Amino acid sequence: MLNNQQALIEAINQTMPFGKYAGRKLLQLPEPYLVWFHSKGFPEGKLGQQLALMYEVKLNGLEDMLQPLLHN
């Protein structure tokens, strides 16, 4: 369980490395952007897994609950 919590905290605090929203934390990406990735395919590797997780977070309305876990 601890690994899942750590992975979630790491994912929400990961900075988007490219594209229109480069520099934003993944939790702060707009939902339509994540929906677009979902339809086109997430990138390979860890970033893709984190983006897919953020898609699920937004889809299930969990964003507000996770806001306190964002680091500056």
N, C-alpha and C. Protein backbone atom coordinates (compact mmCIF):
# COMPACT_ATOMS: atom_id res chain seq x y z
N MET A 1 0.83 -1.20 0.00
CA MET A 1 0.00 0.00 0.00
C MET A 1 0.86 1.25 0.00
N LEU A 2 1.95 1.22 0.77
CA LEU A 2 2.83 2.38 0.84
C LEU A 2 3.41 2.71 -0.53
N ASN A 3 3.78 1.70 -1.30
CA ASN A 3 4.31 1.93 -2.64
C ASN A 3 3.28 2.62 -3.53
N ASN A 4 2.00 2.23 -3.41
CA ASN A 4 0.94 2.87 -4.18
C ASN A 4 0.79 4.33 -3.79
N GLN A 5 0.87 4.61 -2.51
CA GLN A 5 0.76 5.99 -2.04
C GLN A 5 1.93 6.82 -2.55
N GLN A 6 3.12 6.25 -2.49
CA GLN A 6 4.30 6.97 -2.97
C GLN A 6 4.20 7.22 -4.47
N ALA A 7 3.73 6.24 -5.21
CA ALA A 7 3.59 6.38 -6.66
C ALA A 7 2.56 7.47 -6.99
N LEU A 8 1.47 7.53 -6.24
CA LEU A 8 0.45 8.55 -6.46
C LEU A 8 1.00 9.93 -6.16
N ILE A 9 1.68 10.10 -5.05
CA ILE A 9 2.26 11.40 -4.68
C ILE A 9 3.30 11.82 -5.72
N GLU A 10 4.11 10.88 -6.16
CA GLU A 10 5.11 11.18 -7.18
C GLU A 10 4.44 11.60 -8.49
N ALA A 11 3.37 10.90 -8.86
CA ALA A 11 2.68 11.20 -10.12
C ALA A 11 2.03 12.58 -10.10
N ILE A 12 1.36 12.92 -9.01
CA ILE A 12 0.68 14.22 -8.99
C ILE A 12 1.67 15.38 -8.96
N ASN A 13 2.88 15.11 -8.49
CA ASN A 13 3.90 16.15 -8.41
C ASN A 13 4.88 16.13 -9.59
N GLN A 14 4.73 15.18 -10.49
CA GLN A 14 5.59 15.10 -11.67
C GLN A 14 5.29 16.31 -12.56
N THR A 15 6.32 16.92 -13.10
CA THR A 15 6.16 18.06 -14.00
C THR A 15 6.07 17.55 -15.44
N MET A 16 5.11 18.07 -16.17
CA MET A 16 4.95 17.71 -17.58
C MET A 16 6.18 18.21 -18.33
N PRO A 17 6.92 17.30 -18.99
CA PRO A 17 8.19 17.71 -19.60
C PRO A 17 8.10 18.29 -21.00
N PHE A 18 6.94 18.21 -21.64
CA PHE A 18 6.85 18.67 -23.03
C PHE A 18 5.43 19.14 -23.34
N GLY A 19 5.30 19.73 -24.51
CA GLY A 19 3.98 20.08 -25.02
C GLY A 19 3.46 21.41 -24.51
N LYS A 20 2.21 21.62 -24.82
CA LYS A 20 1.51 22.86 -24.50
C LYS A 20 1.54 23.18 -23.01
N TYR A 21 1.53 22.15 -22.18
CA TYR A 21 1.46 22.34 -20.73
C TYR A 21 2.77 21.98 -20.03
N ALA A 22 3.87 22.07 -20.74
CA ALA A 22 5.19 21.80 -20.15
C ALA A 22 5.39 22.69 -18.93
N GLY A 23 5.90 22.09 -17.86
CA GLY A 23 6.16 22.83 -16.63
C GLY A 23 5.05 22.74 -15.61
N ARG A 24 3.87 22.27 -15.99
CA ARG A 24 2.77 22.10 -15.03
C ARG A 24 2.87 20.75 -14.36
N LYS A 25 2.41 20.69 -13.12
CA LYS A 25 2.30 19.41 -12.42
C LYS A 25 1.21 18.60 -13.11
N LEU A 26 1.37 17.29 -13.13
CA LEU A 26 0.40 16.44 -13.83
C LEU A 26 -1.01 16.59 -13.26
N LEU A 27 -1.14 16.78 -11.96
CA LEU A 27 -2.46 16.95 -11.37
C LEU A 27 -3.13 18.23 -11.87
N GLN A 28 -2.34 19.19 -12.31
CA GLN A 28 -2.88 20.48 -12.75
C GLN A 28 -3.17 20.51 -14.25
N LEU A 29 -2.94 19.41 -14.95
CA LEU A 29 -3.26 19.38 -16.38
C LEU A 29 -4.77 19.41 -16.57
N PRO A 30 -5.24 20.11 -17.59
CA PRO A 30 -6.68 20.15 -17.84
C PRO A 30 -7.21 18.77 -18.25
N GLU A 31 -8.40 18.48 -17.82
CA GLU A 31 -9.01 17.18 -18.13
C GLU A 31 -9.09 16.91 -19.63
N PRO A 32 -9.47 17.89 -20.45
CA PRO A 32 -9.53 17.61 -21.90
C PRO A 32 -8.18 17.17 -22.49
N TYR A 33 -7.09 17.67 -21.95
CA TYR A 33 -5.75 17.25 -22.40
C TYR A 33 -5.52 15.79 -22.08
N LEU A 34 -5.92 15.36 -20.90
CA LEU A 34 -5.76 13.96 -20.51
C LEU A 34 -6.70 13.05 -21.30
N VAL A 35 -7.89 13.55 -21.59
CA VAL A 35 -8.83 12.79 -22.43
C VAL A 35 -8.25 12.61 -23.83
N TRP A 36 -7.60 13.66 -24.35
CA TRP A 36 -6.96 13.57 -25.66
C TRP A 36 -5.88 12.49 -25.65
N PHE A 37 -5.03 12.48 -24.61
CA PHE A 37 -4.01 11.45 -24.50
C PHE A 37 -4.65 10.07 -24.43
N HIS A 38 -5.74 9.97 -23.68
CA HIS A 38 -6.42 8.69 -23.54
C HIS A 38 -6.90 8.18 -24.90
N SER A 39 -7.39 9.07 -25.72
CA SER A 39 -7.90 8.64 -27.03
C SER A 39 -6.77 8.37 -28.03
N LYS A 40 -5.67 9.10 -27.93
CA LYS A 40 -4.55 8.95 -28.87
C LYS A 40 -3.51 7.94 -28.41
N GLY A 41 -3.47 7.71 -27.11
CA GLY A 41 -2.48 6.80 -26.54
C GLY A 41 -1.50 7.57 -25.67
N PHE A 42 -1.30 7.07 -24.47
CA PHE A 42 -0.34 7.69 -23.55
C PHE A 42 1.07 7.35 -24.00
N PRO A 43 2.05 8.21 -23.69
CA PRO A 43 3.44 7.90 -24.02
C PRO A 43 3.89 6.61 -23.32
N GLU A 44 4.94 6.03 -23.85
CA GLU A 44 5.51 4.83 -23.24
C GLU A 44 6.17 5.18 -21.91
N GLY A 45 6.31 4.20 -21.06
CA GLY A 45 7.09 4.34 -19.85
C GLY A 45 6.35 4.96 -18.68
N LYS A 46 7.16 5.40 -17.74
CA LYS A 46 6.65 5.91 -16.46
C LYS A 46 5.74 7.12 -16.65
N LEU A 47 6.13 8.06 -17.51
CA LEU A 47 5.29 9.24 -17.73
C LEU A 47 3.92 8.85 -18.25
N GLY A 48 3.87 7.92 -19.17
CA GLY A 48 2.59 7.46 -19.70
C GLY A 48 1.73 6.84 -18.62
N GLN A 49 2.35 6.07 -17.73
CA GLN A 49 1.61 5.46 -16.61
C GLN A 49 1.08 6.55 -15.68
N GLN A 50 1.90 7.57 -15.44
CA GLN A 50 1.47 8.66 -14.56
C GLN A 50 0.35 9.47 -15.19
N LEU A 51 0.43 9.72 -16.49
CA LEU A 51 -0.64 10.45 -17.17
C LEU A 51 -1.94 9.64 -17.16
N ALA A 52 -1.83 8.34 -17.34
CA ALA A 52 -3.02 7.47 -17.29
C ALA A 52 -3.64 7.51 -15.89
N LEU A 53 -2.80 7.54 -14.87
CA LEU A 53 -3.29 7.65 -13.50
C LEU A 53 -4.01 8.98 -13.28
N MET A 54 -3.45 10.07 -13.80
CA MET A 54 -4.09 11.38 -13.66
C MET A 54 -5.42 11.42 -14.41
N TYR A 55 -5.49 10.73 -15.53
CA TYR A 55 -6.76 10.61 -16.27
C TYR A 55 -7.81 9.96 -15.37
N GLU A 56 -7.44 8.87 -14.71
CA GLU A 56 -8.37 8.18 -13.81
C GLU A 56 -8.76 9.06 -12.63
N VAL A 57 -7.80 9.80 -12.09
CA VAL A 57 -8.08 10.71 -10.97
C VAL A 57 -9.13 11.73 -11.38
N LYS A 58 -8.94 12.35 -12.54
CA LYS A 58 -9.87 13.38 -13.01
C LYS A 58 -11.23 12.76 -13.35
N LEU A 59 -11.19 11.60 -14.01
CA LEU A 59 -12.42 10.92 -14.40
C LEU A 59 -13.30 10.60 -13.20
N ASN A 60 -12.65 10.27 -12.09
CA ASN A 60 -13.38 9.89 -10.87
C ASN A 60 -13.58 11.03 -9.88
N GLY A 61 -13.22 12.26 -10.29
CA GLY A 61 -13.46 13.43 -9.45
C GLY A 61 -12.63 13.48 -8.18
N LEU A 62 -11.42 12.98 -8.22
CA LEU A 62 -10.58 12.91 -7.03
C LEU A 62 -9.56 14.05 -6.94
N GLU A 63 -9.56 14.94 -7.91
CA GLU A 63 -8.56 16.00 -7.98
C GLU A 63 -8.53 16.86 -6.72
N ASP A 64 -9.68 17.32 -6.26
CA ASP A 64 -9.73 18.19 -5.08
C ASP A 64 -9.19 17.51 -3.84
N MET A 65 -9.44 16.23 -3.71
CA MET A 65 -8.96 15.48 -2.55
C MET A 65 -7.43 15.40 -2.55
N LEU A 66 -6.81 15.40 -3.74
CA LEU A 66 -5.36 15.25 -3.85
C LEU A 66 -4.60 16.57 -3.86
N GLN A 67 -5.29 17.68 -4.02
CA GLN A 67 -4.65 18.99 -4.06
C GLN A 67 -3.70 19.23 -2.87
N PRO A 68 -4.06 18.84 -1.65
CA PRO A 68 -3.15 19.10 -0.52
C PRO A 68 -1.80 18.37 -0.63
N LEU A 69 -1.71 17.37 -1.49
CA LEU A 69 -0.47 16.61 -1.64
C LEU A 69 0.50 17.22 -2.65
N LEU A 70 0.08 18.29 -3.32
CA LEU A 70 0.96 18.95 -4.28
C LEU A 70 2.08 19.68 -3.55
N HIS A 71 3.29 19.55 -4.06
CA HIS A 71 4.44 20.29 -3.54
C HIS A 71 4.65 21.52 -4.40
N ASN A 72 5.23 22.55 -3.83
CA ASN A 72 5.50 23.77 -4.61
C ASN A 72 6.65 23.59 -5.54
